[in-house]
Amino acid sequence: MKKNQNTLSFLALIIISILSFKSPEKVNIWIIGDSTAANKKAEVAPETGWGMVLQEFFNEGVKVHNHALNGRSSKSFISEGSWKSVCDSIQSSDYVIIQFGHNDEKPDSVRHTDPFTTYKKTLKLYIDETRSKGAIPVICSPIVRRHFDAAGNLKDTHGEYIKAAREIASETTTLFIDMEAKTRKLVAALGQEKSKSLFLFCKPGEYINRPNGVQDSTHLNSYGAHKVASLFVDGVKELKLPLVSFIK
């Protein structure tokens, strides 16, 4: 009799556990950064930020919130209030992807940061405030520019900002995806001509909104954005993040 009662009690606990189990809430990914990741309006087609297409790589268990903005540096994204709106919205266990550098290099006082002082300090602020919300920061180095020298070698246009991003990630034990290295490998392998297929290159009249054509070795087209987003997803896999289970 006692054995039967114990069995029934055990079964009851199982049933209660099943009934009380809640499916995990949607995982949120927040992207903050510059124009290489930002959402684009139709009138600037075929320009595409890699953050625009990241949702396509995840199933319905993930929601991507892309807050990257054209022309912003790590400094100006904070000073204009864009970071506050993101920080106020993030929740525990969310991921915050932090990718700045292109505009931190600019000389104007609104955007410029020094790699090993103000740039690192600002990235640390993002890291600390993300963690204060119980969320998970991920530092990404900026993607490579398609700038080749006369010998056909891909130039290093980001200089010390890459090293500084890696350093602050290491110093704060923060997840780091070296998007510069990943995109550099991709662009270098394609070479000077074929790599144009990734960037904003089109002939005059090819797009109604680009009557004179365009040759832009910084910003991506749709194909390039998808390739770069796939490299980010590769980084997620390499880090063995729980997000892997949501990848399509």
C-alpha atoms as a PDB file:
ATOM      1  CA  MET A   1       0.000   0.000   0.000  1.00  0.00           C
ATOM      2  CA  LYS A   2       2.772   2.397   0.972  1.00  0.00           C
ATOM      3  CA  LYS A   3       4.623   1.545  -2.244  1.00  0.00           C
ATOM      4  CA  ASN A   4       1.522   2.414  -4.269  1.00  0.00           C
ATOM      5  CA  GLN A   5       1.133   5.705  -2.401  1.00  0.00           C
ATOM      6  CA  ASN A   6       4.757   6.598  -3.119  1.00  0.00           C
ATOM      7  CA  THR A   7       4.243   5.772  -6.785  1.00  0.00           C
ATOM      8  CA  LEU A   8       1.117   7.916  -6.957  1.00  0.00           C
ATOM      9  CA  SER A   9       2.898  10.785  -5.198  1.00  0.00           C
ATOM     10  CA  PHE A  10       5.785  10.547  -7.674  1.00  0.00           C
ATOM     11  CA  LEU A  11       3.392  10.580 -10.626  1.00  0.00           C
ATOM     12  CA  ALA A  12       1.558  13.551  -9.145  1.00  0.00           C
ATOM     13  CA  LEU A  13       4.815  15.493  -8.897  1.00  0.00           C
ATOM     14  CA  ILE A  14       5.569  14.748 -12.537  1.00  0.00           C
ATOM     15  CA  ILE A  15       2.113  15.953 -13.608  1.00  0.00           C
ATOM     16  CA  ILE A  16       2.426  19.123 -11.533  1.00  0.00           C
ATOM     17  CA  SER A  17       5.854  19.795 -13.014  1.00  0.00           C
ATOM     18  CA  ILE A  18       4.549  19.366 -16.568  1.00  0.00           C
ATOM     19  CA  LEU A  19       1.540  21.603 -15.949  1.00  0.00           C
ATOM     20  CA  SER A  20       3.609  24.312 -14.282  1.00  0.00           C
ATOM     21  CA  PHE A  21       6.326  24.274 -16.945  1.00  0.00           C
ATOM     22  CA  LYS A  22       6.478  27.478 -18.985  1.00  0.00           C
ATOM     23  CA  SER A  23       7.926  27.659 -22.456  1.00  0.00           C
ATOM     24  CA  PRO A  24      10.944  29.933 -22.629  1.00  0.00           C
ATOM     25  CA  GLU A  25      10.160  33.479 -23.707  1.00  0.00           C
ATOM     26  CA  LYS A  26      11.424  34.790 -27.016  1.00  0.00           C
ATOM     27  CA  VAL A  27      15.145  35.549 -27.046  1.00  0.00           C
ATOM     28  CA  ASN A  28      15.837  39.158 -27.997  1.00  0.00           C
ATOM     29  CA  ILE A  29      18.916  40.295 -29.915  1.00  0.00           C
ATOM     30  CA  TRP A  30      19.580  44.033 -29.852  1.00  0.00           C
ATOM     31  CA  ILE A  31      22.030  45.494 -32.371  1.00  0.00           C
ATOM     32  CA  ILE A  32      23.704  48.850 -31.812  1.00  0.00           C
ATOM     33  CA  GLY A  33      26.216  50.179 -34.296  1.00  0.00           C
ATOM     34  CA  ASP A  34      26.686  52.200 -37.462  1.00  0.00           C
ATOM     35  CA  SER A  35      25.528  52.254 -41.089  1.00  0.00           C
ATOM     36  CA  THR A  36      27.164  48.941 -42.012  1.00  0.00           C
ATOM     37  CA  ALA A  37      24.575  47.193 -39.819  1.00  0.00           C
ATOM     38  CA  ALA A  38      21.687  49.694 -39.938  1.00  0.00           C
ATOM     39  CA  ASN A  39      18.235  49.310 -41.460  1.00  0.00           C
ATOM     40  CA  LYS A  40      17.925  51.110 -44.807  1.00  0.00           C
ATOM     41  CA  LYS A  41      15.015  52.828 -46.520  1.00  0.00           C
ATOM     42  CA  ALA A  42      13.907  51.633 -49.941  1.00  0.00           C
ATOM     43  CA  GLU A  43      15.106  54.834 -51.576  1.00  0.00           C
ATOM     44  CA  VAL A  44      18.760  53.976 -50.889  1.00  0.00           C
ATOM     45  CA  ALA A  45      18.548  50.513 -52.490  1.00  0.00           C
ATOM     46  CA  PRO A  46      20.527  48.379 -53.028  1.00  0.00           C
ATOM     47  CA  GLU A  47      22.286  49.487 -49.811  1.00  0.00           C
ATOM     48  CA  THR A  48      21.594  46.975 -47.030  1.00  0.00           C
ATOM     49  CA  GLY A  49      22.869  46.731 -43.450  1.00  0.00           C
ATOM     50  CA  TRP A  50      23.764  43.262 -42.202  1.00  0.00           C
ATOM     51  CA  GLY A  51      21.541  43.799 -39.159  1.00  0.00           C
ATOM     52  CA  MET A  52      18.550  44.149 -41.519  1.00  0.00           C
ATOM     53  CA  VAL A  53      18.799  40.528 -42.595  1.00  0.00           C
ATOM     54  CA  LEU A  54      19.972  38.832 -39.395  1.00  0.00           C
ATOM     55  CA  GLN A  55      16.428  37.765 -38.467  1.00  0.00           C
ATOM     56  CA  GLU A  56      16.412  35.489 -41.525  1.00  0.00           C
ATOM     57  CA  PHE A  57      19.055  33.265 -39.919  1.00  0.00           C
ATOM     58  CA  PHE A  58      17.010  32.524 -36.780  1.00  0.00           C
ATOM     59  CA  ASN A  59      13.685  30.826 -36.177  1.00  0.00           C
ATOM     60  CA  GLU A  60      10.663  32.353 -34.459  1.00  0.00           C
ATOM     61  CA  GLY A  61      12.278  31.863 -31.048  1.00  0.00           C
ATOM     62  CA  VAL A  62      14.498  34.884 -31.687  1.00  0.00           C
ATOM     63  CA  LYS A  63      13.489  38.507 -32.241  1.00  0.00           C
ATOM     64  CA  VAL A  64      16.122  40.840 -33.702  1.00  0.00           C
ATOM     65  CA  HIS A  65      15.846  44.520 -32.777  1.00  0.00           C
ATOM     66  CA  ASN A  66      18.173  46.461 -35.052  1.00  0.00           C
ATOM     67  CA  HIS A  67      18.970  49.906 -33.621  1.00  0.00           C
ATOM     68  CA  ALA A  68      22.185  50.531 -35.557  1.00  0.00           C
ATOM     69  CA  LEU A  69      22.158  53.975 -37.158  1.00  0.00           C
ATOM     70  CA  ASN A  70      23.944  55.658 -40.027  1.00  0.00           C
ATOM     71  CA  GLY A  71      26.905  57.818 -39.110  1.00  0.00           C
ATOM     72  CA  ARG A  72      27.048  56.986 -35.427  1.00  0.00           C
ATOM     73  CA  SER A  73      30.120  56.300 -33.353  1.00  0.00           C
ATOM     74  CA  SER A  74      30.223  54.632 -29.962  1.00  0.00           C
ATOM     75  CA  LYS A  75      30.288  58.152 -28.496  1.00  0.00           C
ATOM     76  CA  SER A  76      27.519  59.851 -30.510  1.00  0.00           C
ATOM     77  CA  PHE A  77      25.144  56.883 -30.120  1.00  0.00           C
ATOM     78  CA  ILE A  78      25.143  57.678 -26.404  1.00  0.00           C
ATOM     79  CA  SER A  79      25.218  61.487 -26.547  1.00  0.00           C
ATOM     80  CA  GLU A  80      22.145  61.668 -28.812  1.00  0.00           C
ATOM     81  CA  GLY A  81      20.124  59.384 -26.523  1.00  0.00           C
ATOM     82  CA  SER A  82      19.920  56.345 -28.792  1.00  0.00           C
ATOM     83  CA  TRP A  83      21.574  54.046 -26.272  1.00  0.00           C
ATOM     84  CA  LYS A  84      19.201  55.057 -23.465  1.00  0.00           C
ATOM     85  CA  SER A  85      16.171  53.996 -25.487  1.00  0.00           C
ATOM     86  CA  VAL A  86      17.759  50.594 -26.100  1.00  0.00           C
ATOM     87  CA  CYS A  87      19.023  50.142 -22.552  1.00  0.00           C
ATOM     88  CA  ASP A  88      15.586  50.988 -21.145  1.00  0.00           C
ATOM     89  CA  SER A  89      14.097  48.213 -23.284  1.00  0.00           C
ATOM     90  CA  ILE A  90      16.487  45.296 -22.842  1.00  0.00           C
ATOM     91  CA  GLN A  91      15.576  42.505 -20.459  1.00  0.00           C
ATOM     92  CA  SER A  92      17.345  39.745 -18.594  1.00  0.00           C
ATOM     93  CA  SER A  93      18.968  37.135 -20.884  1.00  0.00           C
ATOM     94  CA  ASP A  94      18.723  39.363 -23.967  1.00  0.00           C
ATOM     95  CA  TYR A  95      21.801  39.728 -26.178  1.00  0.00           C
ATOM     96  CA  VAL A  96      23.227  43.130 -27.069  1.00  0.00           C
ATOM     97  CA  ILE A  97      25.499  43.193 -30.134  1.00  0.00           C
ATOM     98  CA  ILE A  98      27.873  46.183 -29.959  1.00  0.00           C
ATOM     99  CA  GLN A  99      29.687  47.119 -33.171  1.00  0.00           C
ATOM    100  CA  PHE A 100      31.276  50.539 -33.586  1.00  0.00           C
ATOM    101  CA  GLY A 101      34.516  51.814 -35.109  1.00  0.00           C
ATOM    102  CA  HIS A 102      33.887  53.183 -38.590  1.00  0.00           C
ATOM    103  CA  ASN A 103      32.852  56.596 -37.307  1.00  0.00           C
ATOM    104  CA  ASP A 104      34.913  56.627 -34.120  1.00  0.00           C
ATOM    105  CA  GLU A 105      37.808  57.197 -36.520  1.00  0.00           C
ATOM    106  CA  LYS A 106      36.269  60.441 -37.836  1.00  0.00           C
ATOM    107  CA  PRO A 107      38.029  63.637 -36.680  1.00  0.00           C
ATOM    108  CA  ASP A 108      34.935  65.620 -35.591  1.00  0.00           C
ATOM    109  CA  SER A 109      34.462  66.141 -31.859  1.00  0.00           C
ATOM    110  CA  VAL A 110      30.922  64.731 -31.848  1.00  0.00           C
ATOM    111  CA  ARG A 111      32.040  61.271 -32.975  1.00  0.00           C
ATOM    112  CA  HIS A 112      35.769  60.841 -32.534  1.00  0.00           C
ATOM    113  CA  THR A 113      37.156  58.553 -29.856  1.00  0.00           C
ATOM    114  CA  ASP A 114      40.718  57.481 -29.130  1.00  0.00           C
ATOM    115  CA  PRO A 115      41.131  53.711 -29.453  1.00  0.00           C
ATOM    116  CA  PHE A 116      42.749  52.979 -26.101  1.00  0.00           C
ATOM    117  CA  THR A 117      41.057  55.633 -23.970  1.00  0.00           C
ATOM    118  CA  THR A 118      37.624  56.970 -24.893  1.00  0.00           C
ATOM    119  CA  TYR A 119      36.721  54.125 -27.290  1.00  0.00           C
ATOM    120  CA  LYS A 120      37.487  51.420 -24.723  1.00  0.00           C
ATOM    121  CA  LYS A 121      35.831  53.457 -21.976  1.00  0.00           C
ATOM    122  CA  THR A 122      32.663  53.834 -24.037  1.00  0.00           C
ATOM    123  CA  LEU A 123      32.530  50.147 -24.955  1.00  0.00           C
ATOM    124  CA  LYS A 124      32.919  49.320 -21.266  1.00  0.00           C
ATOM    125  CA  LEU A 125      29.944  51.549 -20.479  1.00  0.00           C
ATOM    126  CA  TYR A 126      27.817  49.541 -22.932  1.00  0.00           C
ATOM    127  CA  ILE A 127      29.079  46.310 -21.388  1.00  0.00           C
ATOM    128  CA  ASP A 128      28.433  47.409 -17.797  1.00  0.00           C
ATOM    129  CA  GLU A 129      24.969  48.821 -18.461  1.00  0.00           C
ATOM    130  CA  THR A 130      23.960  45.774 -20.493  1.00  0.00           C
ATOM    131  CA  ARG A 131      25.011  43.497 -17.650  1.00  0.00           C
ATOM    132  CA  SER A 132      23.202  45.678 -15.125  1.00  0.00           C
ATOM    133  CA  LYS A 133      19.978  44.688 -16.908  1.00  0.00           C
ATOM    134  CA  GLY A 134      20.894  41.010 -16.725  1.00  0.00           C
ATOM    135  CA  ALA A 135      21.549  40.943 -20.478  1.00  0.00           C
ATOM    136  CA  ILE A 136      24.542  39.542 -22.368  1.00  0.00           C
ATOM    137  CA  PRO A 137      26.891  41.915 -24.242  1.00  0.00           C
ATOM    138  CA  VAL A 138      28.748  40.800 -27.373  1.00  0.00           C
ATOM    139  CA  ILE A 139      31.516  43.027 -28.728  1.00  0.00           C
ATOM    140  CA  CYS A 140      32.064  42.890 -32.497  1.00  0.00           C
ATOM    141  CA  SER A 141      34.913  44.554 -34.331  1.00  0.00           C
ATOM    142  CA  PRO A 142      33.816  46.681 -37.332  1.00  0.00           C
ATOM    143  CA  ILE A 143      33.622  44.999 -40.715  1.00  0.00           C
ATOM    144  CA  VAL A 144      36.453  45.522 -43.184  1.00  0.00           C
ATOM    145  CA  ARG A 145      36.392  48.194 -45.868  1.00  0.00           C
ATOM    146  CA  ARG A 146      37.047  47.065 -49.418  1.00  0.00           C
ATOM    147  CA  HIS A 147      40.181  49.189 -49.810  1.00  0.00           C
ATOM    148  CA  PHE A 148      43.019  47.605 -51.779  1.00  0.00           C
ATOM    149  CA  ASP A 149      46.491  49.039 -52.285  1.00  0.00           C
ATOM    150  CA  ALA A 150      48.293  49.283 -55.637  1.00  0.00           C
ATOM    151  CA  ALA A 151      49.664  45.769 -55.186  1.00  0.00           C
ATOM    152  CA  GLY A 152      46.169  44.347 -54.734  1.00  0.00           C
ATOM    153  CA  ASN A 153      46.491  43.811 -50.977  1.00  0.00           C
ATOM    154  CA  LEU A 154      43.597  44.640 -48.678  1.00  0.00           C
ATOM    155  CA  LYS A 155      44.421  47.645 -46.488  1.00  0.00           C
ATOM    156  CA  ASP A 156      43.974  47.920 -42.740  1.00  0.00           C
ATOM    157  CA  THR A 157      41.730  50.981 -42.369  1.00  0.00           C
ATOM    158  CA  HIS A 158      40.593  50.450 -38.766  1.00  0.00           C
ATOM    159  CA  GLY A 159      44.021  50.360 -37.154  1.00  0.00           C
ATOM    160  CA  GLU A 160      44.080  50.250 -33.368  1.00  0.00           C
ATOM    161  CA  TYR A 161      40.298  50.148 -32.971  1.00  0.00           C
ATOM    162  CA  ILE A 162      40.312  46.416 -33.678  1.00  0.00           C
ATOM    163  CA  LYS A 163      42.950  45.775 -31.039  1.00  0.00           C
ATOM    164  CA  ALA A 164      41.141  48.032 -28.571  1.00  0.00           C
ATOM    165  CA  ALA A 165      37.827  46.216 -29.068  1.00  0.00           C
ATOM    166  CA  ARG A 166      39.514  42.871 -28.506  1.00  0.00           C
ATOM    167  CA  GLU A 167      41.302  44.194 -25.407  1.00  0.00           C
ATOM    168  CA  ILE A 168      38.206  45.561 -23.682  1.00  0.00           C
ATOM    169  CA  ALA A 169      36.362  42.318 -24.407  1.00  0.00           C
ATOM    170  CA  SER A 170      39.226  40.355 -22.821  1.00  0.00           C
ATOM    171  CA  GLU A 171      39.594  42.714 -19.853  1.00  0.00           C
ATOM    172  CA  THR A 172      35.873  42.487 -19.050  1.00  0.00           C
ATOM    173  CA  THR A 173      35.449  38.801 -19.974  1.00  0.00           C
ATOM    174  CA  THR A 174      32.967  39.774 -22.658  1.00  0.00           C
ATOM    175  CA  LEU A 175      32.042  37.675 -25.684  1.00  0.00           C
ATOM    176  CA  PHE A 176      33.936  38.861 -28.780  1.00  0.00           C
ATOM    177  CA  ILE A 177      33.358  38.192 -32.472  1.00  0.00           C
ATOM    178  CA  ASP A 178      36.114  39.491 -34.728  1.00  0.00           C
ATOM    179  CA  MET A 179      33.987  40.598 -37.652  1.00  0.00           C
ATOM    180  CA  GLU A 180      36.903  42.512 -39.151  1.00  0.00           C
ATOM    181  CA  ALA A 181      38.961  39.339 -39.402  1.00  0.00           C
ATOM    182  CA  LYS A 182      36.034  37.335 -40.779  1.00  0.00           C
ATOM    183  CA  THR A 183      35.101  39.921 -43.412  1.00  0.00           C
ATOM    184  CA  ARG A 184      38.761  40.539 -44.265  1.00  0.00           C
ATOM    185  CA  LYS A 185      39.204  36.861 -45.063  1.00  0.00           C
ATOM    186  CA  LEU A 186      36.066  36.891 -47.238  1.00  0.00           C
ATOM    187  CA  VAL A 187      36.948  40.057 -49.175  1.00  0.00           C
ATOM    188  CA  ALA A 188      40.606  39.099 -49.627  1.00  0.00           C
ATOM    189  CA  ALA A 189      39.652  35.677 -50.949  1.00  0.00           C
ATOM    190  CA  LEU A 190      37.322  37.227 -53.533  1.00  0.00           C
ATOM    191  CA  GLY A 191      39.921  39.753 -54.623  1.00  0.00           C
ATOM    192  CA  GLN A 192      39.696  43.304 -55.846  1.00  0.00           C
ATOM    193  CA  GLU A 193      37.101  42.810 -58.587  1.00  0.00           C
ATOM    194  CA  LYS A 194      34.902  39.969 -57.347  1.00  0.00           C
ATOM    195  CA  SER A 195      34.581  41.542 -53.889  1.00  0.00           C
ATOM    196  CA  LYS A 196      32.565  44.362 -55.460  1.00  0.00           C
ATOM    197  CA  SER A 197      29.690  41.875 -55.442  1.00  0.00           C
ATOM    198  CA  LEU A 198      29.432  42.392 -51.664  1.00  0.00           C
ATOM    199  CA  PHE A 199      29.433  46.173 -51.624  1.00  0.00           C
ATOM    200  CA  LEU A 200      27.418  49.084 -52.970  1.00  0.00           C
ATOM    201  CA  PHE A 201      28.422  49.018 -56.623  1.00  0.00           C
ATOM    202  CA  CYS A 202      25.927  49.592 -59.417  1.00  0.00           C
ATOM    203  CA  LYS A 203      25.998  51.035 -62.917  1.00  0.00           C
ATOM    204  CA  PRO A 204      24.285  54.297 -63.961  1.00  0.00           C
ATOM    205  CA  GLY A 205      20.579  53.649 -64.469  1.00  0.00           C
ATOM    206  CA  GLU A 206      20.673  50.209 -62.873  1.00  0.00           C
ATOM    207  CA  TYR A 207      18.590  51.580 -60.004  1.00  0.00           C
ATOM    208  CA  ILE A 208      16.129  54.405 -60.584  1.00  0.00           C
ATOM    209  CA  ASN A 209      17.287  56.089 -57.375  1.00  0.00           C
ATOM    210  CA  ARG A 210      20.939  55.795 -58.438  1.00  0.00           C
ATOM    211  CA  PRO A 211      20.917  57.524 -61.852  1.00  0.00           C
ATOM    212  CA  ASN A 212      24.680  58.091 -61.788  1.00  0.00           C
ATOM    213  CA  GLY A 213      25.511  54.694 -60.351  1.00  0.00           C
ATOM    214  CA  VAL A 214      27.571  54.270 -57.192  1.00  0.00           C
ATOM    215  CA  GLN A 215      30.932  52.874 -56.122  1.00  0.00           C
ATOM    216  CA  ASP A 216      31.031  52.456 -52.360  1.00  0.00           C
ATOM    217  CA  SER A 217      33.554  50.152 -50.713  1.00  0.00           C
ATOM    218  CA  THR A 218      32.219  50.623 -47.171  1.00  0.00           C
ATOM    219  CA  HIS A 219      28.517  49.832 -47.353  1.00  0.00           C
ATOM    220  CA  LEU A 220      26.961  46.513 -48.319  1.00  0.00           C
ATOM    221  CA  ASN A 221      24.376  45.441 -50.845  1.00  0.00           C
ATOM    222  CA  SER A 222      21.796  42.741 -50.060  1.00  0.00           C
ATOM    223  CA  TYR A 223      24.107  39.898 -51.053  1.00  0.00           C
ATOM    224  CA  GLY A 224      26.945  41.326 -48.978  1.00  0.00           C
ATOM    225  CA  ALA A 225      24.683  41.911 -45.987  1.00  0.00           C
ATOM    226  CA  HIS A 226      23.591  38.283 -46.058  1.00  0.00           C
ATOM    227  CA  LYS A 227      27.195  37.087 -46.295  1.00  0.00           C
ATOM    228  CA  VAL A 228      28.253  39.275 -43.359  1.00  0.00           C
ATOM    229  CA  ALA A 229      25.254  38.215 -41.263  1.00  0.00           C
ATOM    230  CA  SER A 230      26.191  34.594 -41.946  1.00  0.00           C
ATOM    231  CA  LEU A 231      29.698  35.317 -40.655  1.00  0.00           C
ATOM    232  CA  PHE A 232      28.195  36.700 -37.459  1.00  0.00           C
ATOM    233  CA  VAL A 233      26.157  33.506 -37.113  1.00  0.00           C
ATOM    234  CA  ASP A 234      29.384  31.536 -37.603  1.00  0.00           C
ATOM    235  CA  GLY A 235      30.778  33.487 -34.646  1.00  0.00           C
ATOM    236  CA  VAL A 236      27.755  32.530 -32.550  1.00  0.00           C
ATOM    237  CA  LYS A 237      28.402  28.880 -33.383  1.00  0.00           C
ATOM    238  CA  GLU A 238      32.119  29.172 -32.571  1.00  0.00           C
ATOM    239  CA  LEU A 239      31.316  30.672 -29.167  1.00  0.00           C
ATOM    240  CA  LYS A 240      28.763  27.877 -28.604  1.00  0.00           C
ATOM    241  CA  LEU A 241      26.164  30.386 -27.421  1.00  0.00           C
ATOM    242  CA  PRO A 242      22.681  29.118 -26.487  1.00  0.00           C
ATOM    243  CA  LEU A 243      21.493  31.072 -29.541  1.00  0.00           C
ATOM    244  CA  VAL A 244      22.788  28.179 -31.640  1.00  0.00           C
ATOM    245  CA  SER A 245      19.613  26.230 -30.904  1.00  0.00           C
ATOM    246  CA  PHE A 246      17.578  28.937 -32.667  1.00  0.00           C
ATOM    247  CA  ILE A 247      19.613  29.035 -35.881  1.00  0.00           C
ATOM    248  CA  LYS A 248      17.732  27.814 -38.931  1.00  0.00           C
END
